């Protein structure tokens, strides 16, 4: 949501089209949150990449706005040592969006989209788009994927190499073990093969 990608005016438009009022203060708070010094991957770079992909997805206007706001808030709270970042991010989104006048239904959808990034298990089409966008980094170019790995390790600098390697391997194996990583045809076609190669490289697995 950096100024050159999602401008203040664009953020206002997303809120307004869903029935809300002036969100200037919220926008500024989100920019500050994603720029926290403790972050290395969950930054404006990650958010920019997500929103760039959103622009390419074949969605209707309402779906796009809901996903745009959910993405803007999905890492609003991030602490690598916490277990409830998604819940806290959803709670942060709910209060100001309610004050701005978005409908209860829209807020509930946005909060659910944020929460689904915890498990990355979608239960409907809109959630599938959210999950696929968030996991697109796994299908990035080898150079970007390597940078991503280094950024994640930086965020977990407090963990020993052994502890980090064990936890990280378990997470990546959970992704690699899925029948398919991406649920939408759009992401399946564009990222599935590369994601498989990236995960295999991280796990030291030789593809058959």
Protein backbone atom coordinates (compact mmCIF):
# COMPACT_ATOMS: atom_id res chain seq x y z
CA UNK A 1 0.00 0.00 0.00
CA UNK A 2 2.90 2.31 -0.63
CA UNK A 3 2.08 5.70 -2.05
CA UNK A 4 3.10 4.69 -5.59
CA UNK A 5 0.81 1.65 -5.67
CA UNK A 6 -2.27 2.29 -3.56
CA UNK A 7 -2.51 6.02 -3.23
CA UNK A 8 -4.43 7.77 -0.50
CA UNK A 9 -7.15 8.51 -3.07
CA UNK A 10 -7.37 4.86 -4.15
CA UNK A 11 -7.69 3.71 -0.54
CA UNK A 12 -10.44 6.28 0.01
CA UNK A 13 -12.21 5.02 -3.11
CA UNK A 14 -12.16 1.42 -1.89
CA UNK A 15 -13.73 2.50 1.40
CA UNK A 16 -16.25 4.81 -0.27
CA UNK A 17 -17.45 2.21 -2.78
CA UNK A 18 -18.24 -0.12 0.11
CA UNK A 19 -20.24 2.62 1.83
CA UNK A 20 -17.63 4.13 4.13
CA UNK A 21 -16.44 7.63 5.06
CA UNK A 22 -13.02 9.38 5.06
CA UNK A 23 -10.32 6.88 6.17
CA UNK A 24 -7.30 9.22 6.15
CA UNK A 25 -6.17 8.40 9.69
CA UNK A 26 -6.49 4.65 9.14
CA UNK A 27 -4.46 4.85 5.94
CA UNK A 28 -1.63 6.64 7.71
CA UNK A 29 -1.67 4.11 10.58
CA UNK A 30 -1.44 1.19 8.17
CA UNK A 31 1.48 2.73 6.31
CA UNK A 32 3.30 3.13 9.63
CA UNK A 33 2.51 -0.43 10.73
CA UNK A 34 3.92 -2.03 7.59
CA UNK A 35 7.05 0.11 7.94
CA UNK A 36 7.89 -1.12 11.46
CA UNK A 37 11.61 -1.81 11.88
CA UNK A 38 10.96 -5.32 13.24
CA UNK A 39 9.62 -6.43 9.87
CA UNK A 40 11.64 -7.78 6.97
CA UNK A 41 9.12 -9.69 4.83
CA UNK A 42 5.72 -8.57 6.15
CA UNK A 43 6.34 -5.07 4.87
CA UNK A 44 5.03 -2.69 2.24
CA UNK A 45 6.96 -4.75 -0.32
CA UNK A 46 4.83 -7.82 0.42
CA UNK A 47 1.67 -5.74 0.40
CA UNK A 48 2.61 -4.11 -2.90
CA UNK A 49 3.21 -7.52 -4.46
CA UNK A 50 -0.17 -8.76 -3.24
CA UNK A 51 -2.00 -5.72 -4.55
CA UNK A 52 -0.22 -5.86 -7.89
CA UNK A 53 -1.46 -9.43 -8.29
CA UNK A 54 -4.96 -8.40 -7.25
CA UNK A 55 -5.07 -6.00 -10.20
CA UNK A 56 -4.55 -8.95 -12.56
CA UNK A 57 -7.24 -11.20 -11.08
CA UNK A 58 -10.52 -11.58 -13.00
CA UNK A 59 -12.89 -10.23 -10.34
CA UNK A 60 -15.93 -7.99 -10.20
CA UNK A 61 -15.70 -4.54 -8.60
CA UNK A 62 -17.13 -5.57 -5.22
CA UNK A 63 -14.87 -8.62 -4.92
CA UNK A 64 -11.86 -6.48 -5.77
CA UNK A 65 -12.67 -3.86 -3.15
CA UNK A 66 -13.27 -6.44 -0.42
CA UNK A 67 -10.02 -8.20 -1.22
CA UNK A 68 -8.13 -4.90 -1.48
CA UNK A 69 -9.14 -3.86 2.01
CA UNK A 70 -8.57 -7.33 3.43
CA UNK A 71 -5.07 -7.38 1.96
CA UNK A 72 -4.34 -3.91 3.32
CA UNK A 73 -5.20 -5.07 6.84
CA UNK A 74 -4.06 -8.71 6.70
CA UNK A 75 -0.62 -8.04 8.20
CA UNK A 76 -1.52 -4.83 10.03
CA UNK A 77 -0.36 -6.55 13.21
CA UNK A 78 2.73 -8.70 12.89
CA UNK A 79 4.95 -10.10 15.63
CA UNK A 80 6.99 -13.16 14.68
CA UNK A 81 6.77 -14.43 18.26
CA UNK A 82 2.97 -14.10 18.50
CA UNK A 83 0.37 -16.71 17.58
CA UNK A 84 -2.58 -14.40 17.02
CA UNK A 85 -1.42 -11.88 14.43
CA UNK A 86 -4.33 -12.60 12.12
CA UNK A 87 -6.88 -12.30 14.91
CA UNK A 88 -5.37 -9.00 16.02
CA UNK A 89 -5.25 -7.71 12.44
CA UNK A 90 -8.91 -8.62 11.93
CA UNK A 91 -9.84 -6.92 15.20
CA UNK A 92 -7.95 -3.80 14.12
CA UNK A 93 -9.80 -3.76 10.80
CA UNK A 94 -13.22 -4.30 12.34
CA UNK A 95 -13.25 -1.26 14.63
CA UNK A 96 -12.27 1.53 12.21
CA UNK A 97 -14.24 0.06 9.30
CA UNK A 98 -17.30 -0.02 11.52
CA UNK A 99 -16.76 3.59 12.56
CA UNK A 100 -16.40 4.56 8.90
CA UNK A 101 -19.82 3.09 8.17
CA UNK A 102 -19.12 -0.04 6.15
CA UNK A 103 -21.92 -2.57 6.34
CA UNK A 104 -21.79 -5.35 8.89
CA UNK A 105 -21.74 -7.86 6.03
CA UNK A 106 -18.77 -6.23 4.29
CA UNK A 107 -16.78 -6.01 7.52
CA UNK A 108 -17.50 -9.65 8.33
CA UNK A 109 -16.24 -10.73 4.90
CA UNK A 110 -13.09 -8.60 5.20
CA UNK A 111 -12.33 -9.98 8.67
CA UNK A 112 -12.87 -13.54 7.49
CA UNK A 113 -10.51 -12.96 4.56
CA UNK A 114 -7.86 -11.75 6.99
CA UNK A 115 -8.33 -14.74 9.28
CA UNK A 116 -8.05 -17.26 6.45
CA UNK A 117 -4.42 -16.23 5.94
CA UNK A 118 -3.66 -18.01 9.23
CA UNK A 119 -4.57 -21.49 7.98
CA UNK A 120 -4.47 -20.83 4.22
CA UNK A 121 -7.49 -23.10 3.90
CA UNK A 122 -10.23 -21.49 1.82
CA UNK A 123 -13.89 -22.35 2.15
CA UNK A 124 -15.24 -20.29 -0.75
CA UNK A 125 -14.13 -18.61 -3.97
CA UNK A 126 -13.30 -15.23 -2.44
CA UNK A 127 -11.22 -16.86 0.28
CA UNK A 128 -9.43 -18.90 -2.39
CA UNK A 129 -8.35 -15.68 -4.10
CA UNK A 130 -7.12 -14.28 -0.79
CA UNK A 131 -5.10 -17.39 0.03
CA UNK A 132 -3.62 -17.67 -3.44
CA UNK A 133 -2.52 -14.04 -3.45
CA UNK A 134 -0.91 -14.39 -0.02
CA UNK A 135 0.91 -17.58 -1.06
CA UNK A 136 2.01 -16.29 -4.46
CA UNK A 137 5.46 -15.61 -3.01
CA UNK A 138 6.07 -19.37 -2.97
CA UNK A 139 5.85 -19.29 -6.76
CA UNK A 140 8.06 -16.25 -7.20
CA UNK A 141 11.19 -16.15 -9.32
CA UNK A 142 14.18 -17.93 -7.77
CA UNK A 143 15.78 -14.58 -6.94
CA UNK A 144 12.69 -13.19 -5.21
CA UNK A 145 12.04 -16.49 -3.44
CA UNK A 146 15.58 -16.51 -2.06
CA UNK A 147 15.15 -12.94 -0.87
CA UNK A 148 11.87 -13.98 0.78
CA UNK A 149 13.59 -16.82 2.63
CA UNK A 150 16.25 -14.44 3.93
CA UNK A 151 13.60 -11.92 4.98
CA UNK A 152 11.67 -14.54 6.94
CA UNK A 153 14.83 -15.68 8.69
CA UNK A 154 15.54 -12.07 9.63
CA UNK A 155 12.11 -11.77 11.23
CA UNK A 156 12.91 -14.88 13.27
CA UNK A 157 16.41 -13.73 14.22
CA UNK A 158 15.52 -14.39 17.86
CA UNK A 159 15.22 -18.15 17.16
CA UNK A 160 18.22 -20.48 17.12
CA UNK A 161 19.18 -22.02 13.79
CA UNK A 162 17.97 -25.44 14.93
CA UNK A 163 14.61 -24.21 16.19
CA UNK A 164 14.06 -22.09 13.12
CA UNK A 165 15.05 -24.86 10.67
CA UNK A 166 12.70 -27.35 12.33
CA UNK A 167 9.72 -25.02 12.34
CA UNK A 168 10.34 -23.69 8.88
CA UNK A 169 10.74 -27.15 7.38
CA UNK A 170 7.45 -28.28 8.94
CA UNK A 171 5.62 -25.31 7.44
CA UNK A 172 7.08 -25.75 3.97
CA UNK A 173 6.39 -29.48 4.05
CA UNK A 174 2.76 -28.74 4.86
CA UNK A 175 2.54 -26.67 1.69
CA UNK A 176 4.52 -29.12 -0.44
CA UNK A 177 2.31 -31.98 0.73
CA UNK A 178 -0.87 -30.51 -0.69
CA UNK A 179 -2.37 -31.98 -3.84
CA UNK A 180 -2.30 -28.46 -5.24
CA UNK A 181 -1.05 -25.33 -3.59
CA UNK A 182 -3.22 -22.84 -5.49
CA UNK A 183 -7.00 -23.11 -5.62
CA UNK A 184 -7.86 -20.72 -8.45
CA UNK A 185 -7.16 -21.57 -12.06
CA UNK A 186 -5.45 -18.20 -12.47
CA UNK A 187 -2.78 -18.91 -9.85
CA UNK A 188 -2.57 -22.62 -10.56
CA UNK A 189 -1.52 -21.92 -14.14
CA UNK A 190 0.93 -19.14 -13.30
CA UNK A 191 2.57 -20.22 -10.05
CA UNK A 192 2.05 -23.90 -9.22
CA UNK A 193 5.02 -25.29 -11.13
CA UNK A 194 7.46 -22.67 -9.90
CA UNK A 195 6.21 -23.03 -6.33
CA UNK A 196 6.88 -26.75 -6.50
CA UNK A 197 10.43 -26.11 -7.64
CA UNK A 198 11.02 -23.48 -4.95
CA UNK A 199 9.66 -25.68 -2.17
CA UNK A 200 11.65 -28.68 -3.39
CA UNK A 201 14.79 -26.55 -3.34
CA UNK A 202 14.13 -25.35 0.20
CA UNK A 203 13.41 -28.86 1.41
CA UNK A 204 16.27 -30.47 -0.47
CA UNK A 205 13.89 -32.77 -2.31
CA UNK A 206 14.62 -34.09 -5.78
CA UNK A 207 11.54 -33.84 -8.02
CA UNK A 208 10.57 -36.93 -9.99
